[in-house]
Amino acid sequence: MTTEDTSSASPPAVRENLFIRGIHLVERFFHPNYAGLIVATLFFGLSLTPSLLPRDWFFQGLVSGINATIGYGLGCLLAWAWRKWVAPRITWPEQVRTAWARRPSWLVVALQSAIVMACLIFAVLMSIQSSKWQRQITDLMGMEPVSDAGYPRTVLVGAVVVGLLIWISRLVMRLVRAVTRALNQWVRIPAAFARPLGVIVVLVAAVLLFNGVLAKGFFAVANSAFSARNSHTSPNAVQPTLPERSGSPESLAKWDTLGSEGRWFVANAPTALAIGQVTGKPAREPIRVYAGLESADGVEAQTDVAIAELDRTKAFEREVLVVISTTGTGWVDTVSAEAIELMFGGDTALVATQYSYLPSALSFLSDRDKSMTMGRTLFDKVYERWSALPEDARPKLLVYGESLGSQGSEGAFSGLADIRNRTDGVLWVGPPNSNRLWSEFVTRRDPGTDEITPIYADGMSVRFAADDDQLARPTPAWNDPRITYLQHASDPVVWWSPDLLFSQPDWLREKRGPDVSPAMSWYPIVTFWQVAADLPRAQTVSDGHGHNYGNLVPDAWAAVAQPSDYTPELAARIRVFLEESMATERQLK
């Protein structure tokens, strides 16, 4: 009877033990920290809240996985601090300590399973809600909605990213322990000092390795790769024959030295005939001067070539002279260049120089000083030559820069007074948040005005705009020279800053911009990474949003440069020409 009772009772007990053993095996394999898991899930959920730009489920999973990993690390740190300093100071009642010491394994397993299930359910529910927020953002930007079907897969992608990053971090911790043992055993440093010293040694080695070998190696490889791309010439960029273009047979800046973007810039200028067809009046051949990195050796020599080209083409005899600071690869926005040429009937000269092989994102990390040095050197030399002319014989001197180009362009000036004294107008588009002058103007904006479209000193000289109506704020009266910043509320280039890590910006305290989700909020650490992830996708959205300013640039140029005989009818014809030009460029470039 006893044997039968025991045998009949064994299977459930065996099954229970097998289940618990299975859970323990899984736990030993993954070795999760449950405090870390809870904070990671919170960070994962917060990262699914709206950012500035819409995302597909896969990219969102990558972003959320990185955020969740940071949360996991913070949770582990909090748990360690609790065990180290808080728990030992708590005097638990004897009954509680006895009960906890005798706790059955199934209770622990149940609690752990409940935590895991709660985290999973929360993550899935947040991913479903996130798809609704994504639809809201695409609606605000007039884009095709993001599909809901794939969004729950965000959880799976995020989990894979978290697992991979935690595995890497554990390898680092093993390295720390190995260094600690070596310091203790071989150098005879006491264990109490060897542990923190081991952490410091690994961190210093990692920083030196990254800033030294890895960073230099990475940028060397990147520079080499993009220099090869710089040598590429689009089949639709044909060497110009007109003497008004750099790269022509008469040019001092040879065609094969201009770089890929420089060759496109000089080869695809509108002709006098095309300009005349738009304006209905005889036009001149616009001058486009460009000096690439290979046009001369060094910034001084390169800008000297540009000045010599301006003299050769008689650029200082034109009605308008525009000094352009390029982005990383030497790119110049087609709309900005053609708009000013059309407005002045081709009686223009545009000058630009290349300072890097790298795209803007990489150039921002490695070449920011170089961009400002180039911007300052080029403008100073143009201004020196321009200011030597009789006042009544000078062209209108304008300054232009977009994105990182605006930062390089700002580098030419010490402040507002300097801009007013040395230019006839400035247009800076999509300025990075780190721009010095932009930051000063925004910080010192008039009380009661928003950060996304501030008013500075009653708009007497400097104005900020996200649409053409805002160019007339606060009044149509506007002193010369006019300085304009174009910035969208949804442009991550403008709003990303390291300050987002631990400080809520004004633009997230104020009412959200017209193309930003009202549900977007600031969360420490999380928002920094959300907006950082928006940066590489800043131009993937529709015109008039993100980092796309083409539809606003013509109006801004008209406001800054104030061309004569500029009518609404001419503005409409110019806009049609620019739209067709951009469509053609997308097909050909």
Protein backbone atom coordinates (compact mmCIF):
# COMPACT_ATOMS: atom_id res chain seq x y z
CA MET A 1 0.00 0.00 0.00
CA THR A 2 2.80 2.37 0.91
CA THR A 3 4.69 1.50 -2.23
CA GLU A 4 1.63 2.12 -4.38
CA ASP A 5 0.95 5.47 -2.65
CA THR A 6 4.53 6.56 -3.19
CA SER A 7 4.60 5.50 -6.81
CA SER A 8 1.29 7.19 -7.51
CA ALA A 9 2.50 10.42 -5.86
CA SER A 10 5.88 10.47 -7.62
CA PRO A 11 4.97 11.62 -11.14
CA PRO A 12 3.64 15.11 -10.11
CA ALA A 13 6.62 15.62 -7.80
CA VAL A 14 9.01 14.49 -10.49
CA ARG A 15 7.32 16.75 -13.04
CA GLU A 16 7.51 19.68 -10.61
CA ASN A 17 11.19 19.04 -9.94
CA LEU A 18 11.90 18.72 -13.65
CA PHE A 19 10.10 22.01 -14.33
CA ILE A 20 12.02 23.80 -11.59
CA ARG A 21 15.29 22.28 -12.78
CA GLY A 22 14.48 23.41 -16.30
CA ILE A 23 13.84 26.94 -15.10
CA HIS A 24 17.10 26.90 -13.18
CA LEU A 25 19.00 25.66 -16.23
CA VAL A 26 17.54 28.47 -18.34
CA GLU A 27 18.35 30.97 -15.61
CA ARG A 28 21.93 29.72 -15.30
CA PHE A 29 22.35 29.99 -19.07
CA PHE A 30 20.97 33.53 -19.38
CA HIS A 31 21.76 34.54 -15.80
CA PRO A 32 19.28 37.46 -15.87
CA ASN A 33 19.26 40.20 -13.31
CA TYR A 34 15.58 40.71 -12.59
CA ALA A 35 15.97 44.30 -11.44
CA GLY A 36 17.86 44.92 -14.68
CA LEU A 37 15.11 43.17 -16.63
CA ILE A 38 12.43 45.40 -15.13
CA VAL A 39 14.33 48.64 -15.84
CA ALA A 40 15.25 47.37 -19.32
CA THR A 41 11.59 46.75 -20.07
CA LEU A 42 10.74 50.26 -18.89
CA PHE A 43 13.42 51.74 -21.16
CA PHE A 44 12.22 49.55 -24.02
CA GLY A 45 8.67 50.80 -23.58
CA LEU A 46 9.71 54.44 -23.35
CA SER A 47 11.79 54.11 -26.51
CA LEU A 48 8.62 53.06 -28.36
CA THR A 49 7.01 56.42 -27.62
CA PRO A 50 7.09 58.90 -30.54
CA SER A 51 10.30 60.58 -31.67
CA LEU A 52 10.68 63.24 -34.36
CA LEU A 53 10.50 60.96 -37.39
CA PRO A 54 8.53 57.81 -38.31
CA ARG A 55 10.23 54.41 -38.18
CA ASP A 56 9.60 50.93 -39.49
CA TRP A 57 9.40 48.02 -37.06
CA PHE A 58 12.92 46.72 -37.72
CA PHE A 59 14.70 50.03 -37.20
CA GLN A 60 12.57 50.67 -34.12
CA GLY A 61 13.66 47.29 -32.76
CA LEU A 62 17.33 48.24 -33.13
CA VAL A 63 16.78 51.57 -31.37
CA SER A 64 14.67 50.02 -28.60
CA GLY A 65 17.19 47.23 -28.08
CA ILE A 66 19.99 49.73 -27.46
CA ASN A 67 17.79 51.69 -25.04
CA ALA A 68 16.75 48.51 -23.24
CA THR A 69 20.38 47.47 -22.82
CA ILE A 70 21.16 50.80 -21.18
CA GLY A 71 18.16 50.25 -18.89
CA TYR A 72 19.39 46.76 -18.05
CA GLY A 73 22.75 48.13 -17.02
CA LEU A 74 21.13 50.78 -14.82
CA GLY A 75 18.89 48.14 -13.22
CA CYS A 76 21.89 45.96 -12.45
CA LEU A 77 23.64 48.97 -10.92
CA LEU A 78 20.62 49.75 -8.75
CA ALA A 79 20.40 46.13 -7.61
CA TRP A 80 24.10 46.12 -6.73
CA ALA A 81 23.73 49.37 -4.78
CA TRP A 82 20.77 47.88 -2.89
CA ARG A 83 22.73 44.76 -1.93
CA LYS A 84 25.84 46.73 -1.08
CA TRP A 85 24.50 49.60 0.99
CA VAL A 86 20.76 49.37 1.67
CA ALA A 87 19.93 45.73 2.41
CA PRO A 88 22.62 45.26 5.09
CA ARG A 89 21.22 48.23 7.01
CA ILE A 90 17.68 46.82 7.14
CA THR A 91 16.78 44.76 10.20
CA TRP A 92 14.21 42.23 9.09
CA PRO A 93 11.91 40.55 11.68
CA GLU A 94 12.99 37.04 12.62
CA GLN A 95 9.77 35.56 11.19
CA VAL A 96 10.41 37.16 7.80
CA ARG A 97 14.02 35.98 7.65
CA THR A 98 13.01 32.46 8.65
CA ALA A 99 10.19 32.33 6.10
CA TRP A 100 12.44 33.63 3.32
CA ALA A 101 15.20 31.13 4.21
CA ARG A 102 12.66 28.27 3.97
CA ARG A 103 10.96 29.57 0.80
CA PRO A 104 10.00 26.77 -1.61
CA SER A 105 11.68 26.80 -5.00
CA TRP A 106 8.34 26.93 -6.79
CA LEU A 107 7.61 30.29 -5.17
CA VAL A 108 10.86 31.73 -6.50
CA VAL A 109 10.16 30.26 -9.93
CA ALA A 110 6.63 31.66 -9.88
CA LEU A 111 7.90 35.13 -8.99
CA GLN A 112 10.58 35.03 -11.67
CA SER A 113 8.11 33.75 -14.26
CA ALA A 114 5.63 36.47 -13.31
CA ILE A 115 8.30 39.15 -13.80
CA VAL A 116 9.25 37.75 -17.22
CA MET A 117 5.62 37.46 -18.36
CA ALA A 118 4.75 40.95 -17.13
CA CYS A 119 7.75 42.41 -18.96
CA LEU A 120 6.85 40.55 -22.15
CA ILE A 121 3.20 41.61 -22.04
CA PHE A 122 4.17 45.23 -21.38
CA ALA A 123 6.62 45.21 -24.29
CA VAL A 124 4.08 43.73 -26.71
CA LEU A 125 1.34 46.16 -25.67
CA MET A 126 3.73 49.10 -26.06
CA SER A 127 4.74 47.90 -29.53
CA ILE A 128 1.10 47.80 -30.57
CA GLN A 129 0.52 51.31 -29.22
CA SER A 130 3.72 52.42 -30.94
CA SER A 131 2.34 51.49 -34.34
CA LYS A 132 -0.55 53.90 -33.70
CA TRP A 133 1.89 56.67 -32.79
CA GLN A 134 3.85 55.96 -35.98
CA ARG A 135 0.68 56.36 -38.06
CA GLN A 136 0.07 59.68 -36.33
CA ILE A 137 3.54 60.94 -37.31
CA THR A 138 3.17 59.86 -40.95
CA ASP A 139 -0.22 61.58 -41.10
CA LEU A 140 1.32 64.82 -39.80
CA MET A 141 3.98 64.60 -42.52
CA GLY A 142 1.64 63.55 -45.31
CA MET A 143 3.40 60.22 -45.80
CA GLU A 144 2.23 56.67 -46.39
CA PRO A 145 1.34 55.09 -43.03
CA VAL A 146 3.62 52.53 -41.41
CA SER A 147 2.20 49.00 -41.53
CA ASP A 148 0.84 47.71 -38.21
CA ALA A 149 1.36 44.05 -39.10
CA GLY A 150 5.09 43.90 -38.50
CA TYR A 151 5.34 46.10 -35.45
CA PRO A 152 5.02 43.39 -32.76
CA ARG A 153 8.20 41.93 -34.28
CA THR A 154 9.93 44.96 -32.80
CA VAL A 155 9.98 43.07 -29.49
CA LEU A 156 11.87 40.15 -31.04
CA VAL A 157 14.44 42.39 -32.75
CA GLY A 158 14.92 44.35 -29.53
CA ALA A 159 15.41 41.15 -27.53
CA VAL A 160 18.10 39.94 -29.95
CA VAL A 161 19.92 43.28 -29.71
CA VAL A 162 19.74 43.23 -25.91
CA GLY A 163 21.05 39.68 -25.76
CA LEU A 164 23.95 40.46 -28.07
CA LEU A 165 24.95 43.62 -26.21
CA ILE A 166 24.67 41.95 -22.78
CA TRP A 167 26.84 39.08 -24.04
CA ILE A 168 29.47 41.59 -25.17
CA SER A 169 29.29 43.41 -21.83
CA ARG A 170 29.81 40.13 -19.96
CA LEU A 171 32.90 39.45 -22.01
CA VAL A 172 34.16 42.86 -20.92
CA MET A 173 33.40 42.01 -17.28
CA ARG A 174 35.36 38.79 -17.62
CA LEU A 175 38.24 40.83 -18.94
CA VAL A 176 37.96 43.14 -15.92
CA ARG A 177 38.06 40.14 -13.56
CA ALA A 178 41.08 38.71 -15.38
CA VAL A 179 42.92 42.03 -15.07
CA THR A 180 41.94 42.24 -11.40
CA ARG A 181 43.33 38.76 -10.72
CA ALA A 182 46.53 39.61 -12.54
CA LEU A 183 46.96 42.80 -10.52
CA ASN A 184 46.31 40.90 -7.32
CA GLN A 185 48.48 37.85 -8.02
CA TRP A 186 51.33 39.23 -10.09
CA VAL A 187 51.62 42.86 -8.99
CA ARG A 188 50.59 42.01 -5.39
CA ILE A 189 47.99 44.76 -5.22
CA PRO A 190 45.43 44.05 -2.45
CA ALA A 191 42.07 42.81 -3.71
CA ALA A 192 40.22 45.86 -2.36
CA PHE A 193 42.33 48.09 -4.62
CA ALA A 194 42.75 45.63 -7.49
CA ARG A 195 39.01 45.55 -8.35
CA PRO A 196 38.49 49.28 -9.01
CA LEU A 197 41.93 49.49 -10.59
CA GLY A 198 41.02 46.64 -12.94
CA VAL A 199 37.93 48.56 -14.06
CA ILE A 200 39.99 51.70 -14.61
CA VAL A 201 42.65 49.83 -16.60
CA VAL A 202 40.08 48.29 -18.95
CA LEU A 203 38.19 51.59 -19.37
CA VAL A 204 41.36 53.57 -20.08
CA ALA A 205 42.57 50.91 -22.51
CA ALA A 206 39.20 50.96 -24.30
CA VAL A 207 39.16 54.76 -24.54
CA LEU A 208 42.75 54.94 -25.76
CA LEU A 209 42.11 52.12 -28.20
CA PHE A 210 39.00 53.80 -29.56
CA ASN A 211 40.36 57.32 -29.68
CA GLY A 212 43.68 56.16 -30.96
CA VAL A 213 43.99 52.98 -32.98
CA LEU A 214 40.33 52.24 -33.66
CA ALA A 215 39.17 55.80 -34.33
CA LYS A 216 42.17 56.65 -36.48
CA GLY A 217 41.92 53.35 -38.26
CA PHE A 218 38.18 53.77 -38.83
CA PHE A 219 38.47 57.28 -40.18
CA ALA A 220 41.50 56.33 -42.27
CA VAL A 221 39.54 53.49 -43.86
CA ALA A 222 36.46 55.71 -44.24
CA ASN A 223 38.53 58.50 -45.76
CA SER A 224 40.14 56.07 -48.18
CA ALA A 225 36.78 54.57 -49.14
CA PHE A 226 35.09 57.92 -49.67
CA SER A 227 38.09 59.38 -51.48
CA ALA A 228 37.60 56.60 -54.00
CA ARG A 229 33.96 57.62 -54.24
CA ASN A 230 35.11 61.22 -54.63
CA SER A 231 36.93 60.16 -57.80
CA HIS A 232 33.70 58.82 -59.29
CA THR A 233 32.07 60.98 -61.94
CA SER A 234 28.40 60.59 -62.77
CA PRO A 235 27.86 59.87 -66.48
CA ASN A 236 25.44 62.81 -66.36
CA ALA A 237 28.13 65.22 -65.13
CA VAL A 238 29.85 66.35 -68.33
CA GLN A 239 32.83 68.68 -68.27
CA PRO A 240 31.57 72.22 -68.94
CA THR A 241 32.86 74.16 -71.92
CA LEU A 242 31.61 77.57 -70.80
CA PRO A 243 34.37 79.71 -69.26
CA GLU A 244 31.99 80.77 -66.47
CA ARG A 245 32.38 77.33 -64.87
CA SER A 246 35.24 75.85 -62.90
CA GLY A 247 36.44 72.65 -64.50
CA SER A 248 36.16 74.11 -68.01
CA PRO A 249 39.22 74.12 -70.28
CA GLU A 250 40.00 77.73 -69.25
CA SER A 251 39.60 77.00 -65.54
CA LEU A 252 42.42 77.10 -62.99
CA ALA A 253 40.57 74.40 -61.03
CA LYS A 254 40.90 71.37 -63.26
CA TRP A 255 37.92 69.14 -63.93
CA ASP A 256 39.44 65.97 -62.47
CA THR A 257 40.35 67.75 -59.19
CA LEU A 258 36.86 68.95 -58.26
CA GLY A 259 35.59 65.75 -56.68
CA SER A 260 32.33 63.97 -57.43
CA GLU A 261 30.06 66.63 -55.90
CA GLY A 262 32.07 69.52 -57.34
CA ARG A 263 31.88 68.10 -60.86
CA TRP A 264 28.12 67.71 -60.52
CA PHE A 265 27.80 71.26 -59.19
CA VAL A 266 29.61 72.94 -62.10
CA ALA A 267 28.24 70.63 -64.80
CA ASN A 268 24.56 71.06 -63.99
CA ALA A 269 24.08 74.79 -63.69
CA PRO A 270 21.09 76.19 -65.61
CA THR A 271 22.10 77.88 -68.86
CA ALA A 272 21.29 81.46 -69.75
CA LEU A 273 18.77 80.13 -72.27
CA ALA A 274 16.95 78.05 -69.63
CA ILE A 275 16.94 80.96 -67.17
CA GLY A 276 15.55 83.31 -69.82
CA GLN A 277 12.75 80.88 -70.59
CA VAL A 278 11.70 80.99 -66.93
CA THR A 279 12.07 84.74 -66.36
CA GLY A 280 10.90 85.87 -69.80
CA LYS A 281 13.93 88.18 -70.06
CA PRO A 282 17.46 87.93 -71.50
CA ALA A 283 19.74 86.22 -68.98
CA ARG A 284 23.46 85.86 -68.36
CA GLU A 285 25.42 82.66 -67.95
CA PRO A 286 25.67 82.14 -64.17
CA ILE A 287 29.14 81.72 -62.74
CA ARG A 288 29.88 78.64 -60.64
CA VAL A 289 33.31 78.47 -59.02
CA TYR A 290 34.45 75.38 -57.14
CA ALA A 291 37.74 74.17 -55.67
CA GLY A 292 38.03 70.53 -54.64
CA LEU A 293 40.39 68.96 -52.14
CA GLU A 294 42.68 67.97 -54.99
CA SER A 295 42.58 71.38 -56.70
CA ALA A 296 45.39 72.57 -54.43
CA ASP A 297 47.39 71.39 -51.44
CA GLY A 298 45.91 72.77 -48.21
CA VAL A 299 43.16 75.19 -47.20
CA GLU A 300 45.09 78.37 -48.03
CA ALA A 301 46.11 77.20 -51.48
CA GLN A 302 42.66 75.79 -52.16
CA THR A 303 40.91 79.06 -51.32
CA ASP A 304 43.51 80.97 -53.36
CA VAL A 305 42.45 78.90 -56.36
CA ALA A 306 38.83 79.81 -55.67
CA ILE A 307 39.66 83.54 -55.51
CA ALA A 308 41.69 83.29 -58.73
CA GLU A 309 38.70 81.62 -60.37
CA LEU A 310 36.43 84.44 -59.22
CA ASP A 311 38.82 86.93 -60.78
CA ARG A 312 39.15 84.91 -63.97
CA THR A 313 35.37 84.72 -64.45
CA LYS A 314 34.90 88.40 -63.47
CA ALA A 315 32.61 87.30 -60.66
CA PHE A 316 33.06 90.58 -58.79
CA GLU A 317 31.29 92.35 -61.65
CA ARG A 318 28.07 90.39 -61.16
CA GLU A 319 25.00 91.63 -59.30
CA VAL A 320 25.17 88.90 -56.65
CA LEU A 321 28.09 86.91 -55.19
CA VAL A 322 27.22 83.98 -52.92
CA VAL A 323 29.82 82.35 -50.66
CA ILE A 324 28.74 78.76 -50.01
CA SER A 325 30.01 76.45 -47.27
CA THR A 326 29.53 72.85 -48.38
CA THR A 327 28.64 69.75 -46.38
CA GLY A 328 31.11 66.93 -45.72
CA THR A 329 31.56 65.54 -49.23
CA GLY A 330 31.49 68.97 -50.84
CA TRP A 331 27.77 68.82 -51.68
CA VAL A 332 25.85 71.97 -52.61
CA ASP A 333 22.04 71.90 -52.61
CA THR A 334 20.74 72.20 -56.17
CA VAL A 335 17.57 74.06 -55.20
CA SER A 336 19.47 76.70 -53.23
CA ALA A 337 21.93 77.33 -56.06
CA GLU A 338 19.40 77.42 -58.90
CA ALA A 339 16.88 79.52 -56.96
CA ILE A 340 19.24 82.45 -56.50
CA GLU A 341 20.43 82.18 -60.13
CA LEU A 342 16.88 82.28 -61.47
CA MET A 343 15.87 85.20 -59.24
CA PHE A 344 18.67 87.38 -60.59
CA GLY A 345 18.50 86.29 -64.22
CA GLY A 346 21.87 84.51 -64.06
CA ASP A 347 23.70 87.70 -63.07
CA THR A 348 25.25 85.73 -60.21
CA ALA A 349 28.46 84.10 -59.06
CA LEU A 350 28.51 81.16 -56.64
CA VAL A 351 31.73 80.01 -55.00
CA ALA A 352 32.23 76.85 -52.92
CA THR A 353 35.10 74.68 -51.71
CA GLN A 354 35.38 71.09 -50.53
CA TYR A 355 36.94 70.35 -47.15
CA SER A 356 36.38 66.59 -46.66
CA TYR A 357 35.82 63.28 -48.41
CA LEU A 358 33.49 62.11 -45.65
CA PRO A 359 29.69 62.38 -45.54
CA SER A 360 28.25 64.90 -43.07
CA ALA A 361 27.59 62.37 -40.28
CA LEU A 362 31.24 61.21 -40.21
CA SER A 363 32.55 64.66 -40.99
CA PHE A 364 30.64 65.99 -37.98
CA LEU A 365 32.65 63.62 -35.77
CA SER A 366 36.07 64.16 -37.31
CA ASP A 367 36.14 67.31 -39.46
CA ARG A 368 34.09 69.98 -37.68
CA ASP A 369 37.12 72.17 -37.03
CA LYS A 370 38.16 71.71 -40.64
CA SER A 371 34.74 72.84 -41.87
CA MET A 372 34.93 76.04 -39.81
CA THR A 373 38.52 76.69 -40.87
CA MET A 374 37.54 76.35 -44.51
CA GLY A 375 34.41 78.48 -44.06
CA ARG A 376 36.35 81.25 -42.33
CA THR A 377 39.28 81.21 -44.75
CA LEU A 378 37.12 81.26 -47.87
CA PHE A 379 34.86 84.07 -46.67
CA ASP A 380 37.74 86.18 -45.35
CA LYS A 381 39.54 86.03 -48.69
CA VAL A 382 36.39 86.78 -50.66
CA TYR A 383 35.60 89.67 -48.34
CA GLU A 384 39.14 91.06 -48.59
CA ARG A 385 38.91 91.10 -52.39
CA TRP A 386 35.29 92.39 -52.37
CA SER A 387 35.88 95.20 -49.83
CA ALA A 388 38.74 96.57 -51.94
CA LEU A 389 36.25 97.47 -54.68
CA PRO A 390 34.48 100.85 -54.81
CA GLU A 391 31.24 100.65 -52.83
CA ASP A 392 29.11 101.41 -55.86
CA ALA A 393 30.83 98.66 -57.87
CA ARG A 394 30.50 95.77 -55.45
CA PRO A 395 28.14 92.83 -55.98
CA LYS A 396 25.65 91.99 -53.28
CA LEU A 397 27.63 89.69 -50.95
CA LEU A 398 25.50 86.81 -49.64
CA VAL A 399 26.38 83.82 -47.46
CA TYR A 400 24.81 80.35 -47.57
CA GLY A 401 25.28 77.09 -45.70
CA GLU A 402 23.12 74.03 -45.10
CA SER A 403 23.42 71.54 -42.25
CA LEU A 404 27.11 71.12 -41.40
CA GLY A 405 27.79 73.75 -44.04
CA SER A 406 25.99 76.29 -41.86
CA GLN A 407 28.36 75.45 -39.03
CA GLY A 408 31.37 76.00 -41.26
CA SER A 409 29.82 79.22 -42.54
CA GLU A 410 29.14 80.51 -39.02
CA GLY A 411 32.82 79.99 -38.27
CA ALA A 412 33.61 83.03 -40.42
CA PHE A 413 31.92 85.43 -38.00
CA SER A 414 32.48 86.48 -34.39
CA GLY A 415 28.90 87.58 -33.82
CA LEU A 416 25.88 89.44 -35.13
CA ALA A 417 27.72 92.75 -35.50
CA ASP A 418 30.38 91.05 -37.61
CA ILE A 419 27.73 89.52 -39.86
CA ARG A 420 25.99 92.86 -40.30
CA ASN A 421 29.25 94.65 -41.05
CA ARG A 422 30.57 92.21 -43.63
CA THR A 423 27.60 90.74 -45.52
CA ASP A 424 24.48 91.79 -47.41
CA GLY A 425 22.46 88.79 -46.28
CA VAL A 426 22.76 85.28 -44.87
CA LEU A 427 20.73 82.08 -45.32
CA TRP A 428 21.53 79.16 -43.02
CA VAL A 429 19.45 76.01 -43.44
CA GLY A 430 18.92 73.16 -40.95
CA PRO A 431 21.67 74.28 -38.53
CA PRO A 432 23.12 71.62 -36.19
CA ASN A 433 22.31 72.21 -32.52
CA SER A 434 26.00 72.73 -31.81
CA ASN A 435 26.21 75.86 -34.00
CA ARG A 436 27.64 78.61 -31.83
CA LEU A 437 25.82 81.65 -33.20
CA TRP A 438 22.54 79.79 -33.64
CA SER A 439 22.69 78.69 -29.99
CA GLU A 440 23.33 82.26 -28.84
CA PHE A 441 20.38 83.65 -30.80
CA VAL A 442 18.00 80.91 -29.66
CA THR A 443 19.07 81.11 -26.02
CA ARG A 444 18.64 84.90 -25.99
CA ARG A 445 15.32 84.85 -27.85
CA ASP A 446 12.56 87.26 -26.89
CA PRO A 447 10.60 86.20 -23.78
CA GLY A 448 7.43 84.29 -24.56
CA THR A 449 8.63 82.96 -27.93
CA ASP A 450 9.10 79.25 -28.58
CA GLU A 451 12.42 77.54 -29.13
CA ILE A 452 11.30 75.84 -32.36
CA THR A 453 10.55 79.22 -34.02
CA PRO A 454 12.04 81.92 -31.79
CA ILE A 455 11.95 85.65 -32.32
CA TYR A 456 15.26 87.36 -31.63
CA ALA A 457 15.43 91.12 -30.90
CA ASP A 458 12.00 91.70 -32.44
CA GLY A 459 13.18 90.12 -35.68
CA MET A 460 15.07 93.29 -36.66
CA SER A 461 17.96 91.36 -38.26
CA VAL A 462 17.77 87.65 -37.44
CA ARG A 463 14.70 85.52 -38.20
CA PHE A 464 13.78 81.87 -37.82
CA ALA A 465 11.23 80.14 -40.02
CA ALA A 466 9.69 76.74 -40.68
CA ASP A 467 7.36 78.08 -43.41
CA ASP A 468 7.09 81.16 -45.60
CA ASP A 469 4.58 82.93 -43.32
CA GLN A 470 7.09 82.94 -40.46
CA LEU A 471 9.58 84.92 -42.55
CA ALA A 472 7.38 87.97 -41.92
CA ARG A 473 7.36 87.58 -38.13
CA PRO A 474 6.92 89.64 -36.08
CA THR A 475 6.40 92.39 -38.69
CA PRO A 476 7.12 92.66 -42.43
CA ALA A 477 9.63 95.45 -41.68
CA TRP A 478 13.11 93.94 -41.63
CA ASN A 479 16.47 95.66 -41.39
CA ASP A 480 19.29 94.98 -43.83
CA PRO A 481 21.27 92.81 -43.97
CA ARG A 482 18.78 90.03 -43.36
CA ILE A 483 19.87 86.84 -41.60
CA THR A 484 17.60 83.79 -41.81
CA TYR A 485 17.67 80.36 -40.22
CA LEU A 486 15.35 77.68 -41.61
CA GLN A 487 14.51 74.97 -39.09
CA HIS A 488 11.71 72.44 -38.88
CA ALA A 489 10.29 71.28 -35.58
CA SER A 490 10.84 67.71 -36.82
CA ASP A 491 14.49 68.12 -37.90
CA PRO A 492 16.73 65.99 -35.64
CA VAL A 493 19.83 67.78 -36.96
CA VAL A 494 18.57 70.97 -35.31
CA TRP A 495 17.43 69.44 -32.02
CA TRP A 496 19.87 66.63 -31.24
CA SER A 497 22.26 67.51 -28.44
CA PRO A 498 24.16 65.67 -25.68
CA ASP A 499 22.13 67.82 -23.27
CA LEU A 500 19.14 65.58 -24.06
CA LEU A 501 20.70 62.89 -21.88
CA PHE A 502 19.75 64.50 -18.58
CA SER A 503 18.08 67.82 -19.37
CA GLN A 504 14.63 68.47 -20.82
CA PRO A 505 14.89 71.03 -23.65
CA ASP A 506 12.48 73.90 -24.05
CA TRP A 507 11.14 72.49 -27.34
CA LEU A 508 9.82 69.49 -25.38
CA ARG A 509 8.35 71.69 -22.65
CA GLU A 510 6.47 73.86 -25.12
CA LYS A 511 3.60 72.92 -27.40
CA ARG A 512 4.87 70.48 -29.99
CA GLY A 513 5.56 71.65 -33.53
CA PRO A 514 2.92 71.10 -36.22
CA ASP A 515 4.64 67.99 -37.59
CA VAL A 516 5.69 66.51 -34.24
CA SER A 517 3.48 64.06 -32.37
CA PRO A 518 1.78 65.63 -29.32
CA ALA A 519 2.62 62.38 -27.52
CA MET A 520 6.38 62.93 -27.80
CA SER A 521 7.86 63.52 -24.35
CA TRP A 522 11.29 63.77 -22.79
CA TYR A 523 12.76 60.85 -20.85
CA PRO A 524 16.30 60.87 -19.43
CA ILE A 525 18.78 58.99 -21.62
CA VAL A 526 16.00 57.50 -23.79
CA THR A 527 15.15 60.67 -25.71
CA PHE A 528 18.82 61.31 -26.44
CA TRP A 529 19.11 57.97 -28.23
CA GLN A 530 15.74 58.34 -29.93
CA VAL A 531 16.67 61.65 -31.54
CA ALA A 532 20.20 60.37 -32.29
CA ALA A 533 18.62 57.48 -34.19
CA ASP A 534 16.57 59.99 -36.20
CA LEU A 535 19.72 61.68 -37.56
CA PRO A 536 20.60 59.22 -40.35
CA ARG A 537 16.95 59.25 -41.48
CA ALA A 538 16.50 63.02 -41.41
CA GLN A 539 16.03 63.27 -45.19
CA THR A 540 13.85 60.19 -45.66
CA VAL A 541 10.61 62.08 -44.98
CA SER A 542 8.46 64.27 -47.23
CA ASP A 543 9.38 67.81 -48.27
CA GLY A 544 8.76 70.45 -45.63
CA HIS A 545 9.64 68.08 -42.79
CA GLY A 546 12.74 66.68 -41.16
CA HIS A 547 15.88 67.90 -42.89
CA ASN A 548 14.15 68.60 -46.25
CA TYR A 549 13.91 72.35 -46.90
CA GLY A 550 13.72 72.52 -50.69
CA ASN A 551 10.18 73.87 -50.78
CA LEU A 552 11.05 76.73 -48.40
CA VAL A 553 14.47 77.79 -49.71
CA PRO A 554 13.18 79.89 -52.67
CA ASP A 555 10.97 82.00 -50.39
CA ALA A 556 13.82 82.39 -47.91
CA TRP A 557 16.24 83.49 -50.65
CA ALA A 558 13.70 85.99 -51.92
CA ALA A 559 13.34 87.44 -48.42
CA VAL A 560 17.11 87.63 -47.80
CA ALA A 561 18.37 88.70 -51.23
CA GLN A 562 15.37 90.92 -52.14
CA PRO A 563 15.63 90.60 -55.95
CA SER A 564 14.01 93.39 -57.97
CA ASP A 565 11.02 92.59 -60.19
CA TYR A 566 10.34 89.43 -58.19
CA THR A 567 6.62 88.83 -58.64
CA PRO A 568 4.32 86.03 -57.47
CA GLU A 569 4.05 84.89 -61.09
CA LEU A 570 7.83 84.64 -61.42
CA ALA A 571 8.03 82.86 -58.06
CA ALA A 572 5.52 80.27 -59.31
CA ARG A 573 7.49 79.68 -62.54
CA ILE A 574 10.74 79.34 -60.58
CA ARG A 575 9.13 76.82 -58.27
CA VAL A 576 7.95 74.70 -61.21
CA PHE A 577 11.46 74.80 -62.71
CA LEU A 578 13.05 73.77 -59.42
CA GLU A 579 10.63 70.88 -58.92
CA GLU A 580 11.38 69.57 -62.41
CA SER A 581 15.10 70.06 -61.86
CA MET A 582 15.05 68.10 -58.60
CA ALA A 583 13.03 65.27 -60.17
CA THR A 584 15.57 65.08 -63.00
CA GLU A 585 18.50 65.10 -60.56
CA ARG A 586 17.04 62.19 -58.58
CA GLN A 587 16.85 60.17 -61.78
CA LEU A 588 20.28 61.05 -63.11
CA LYS A 589 22.59 61.38 -60.12
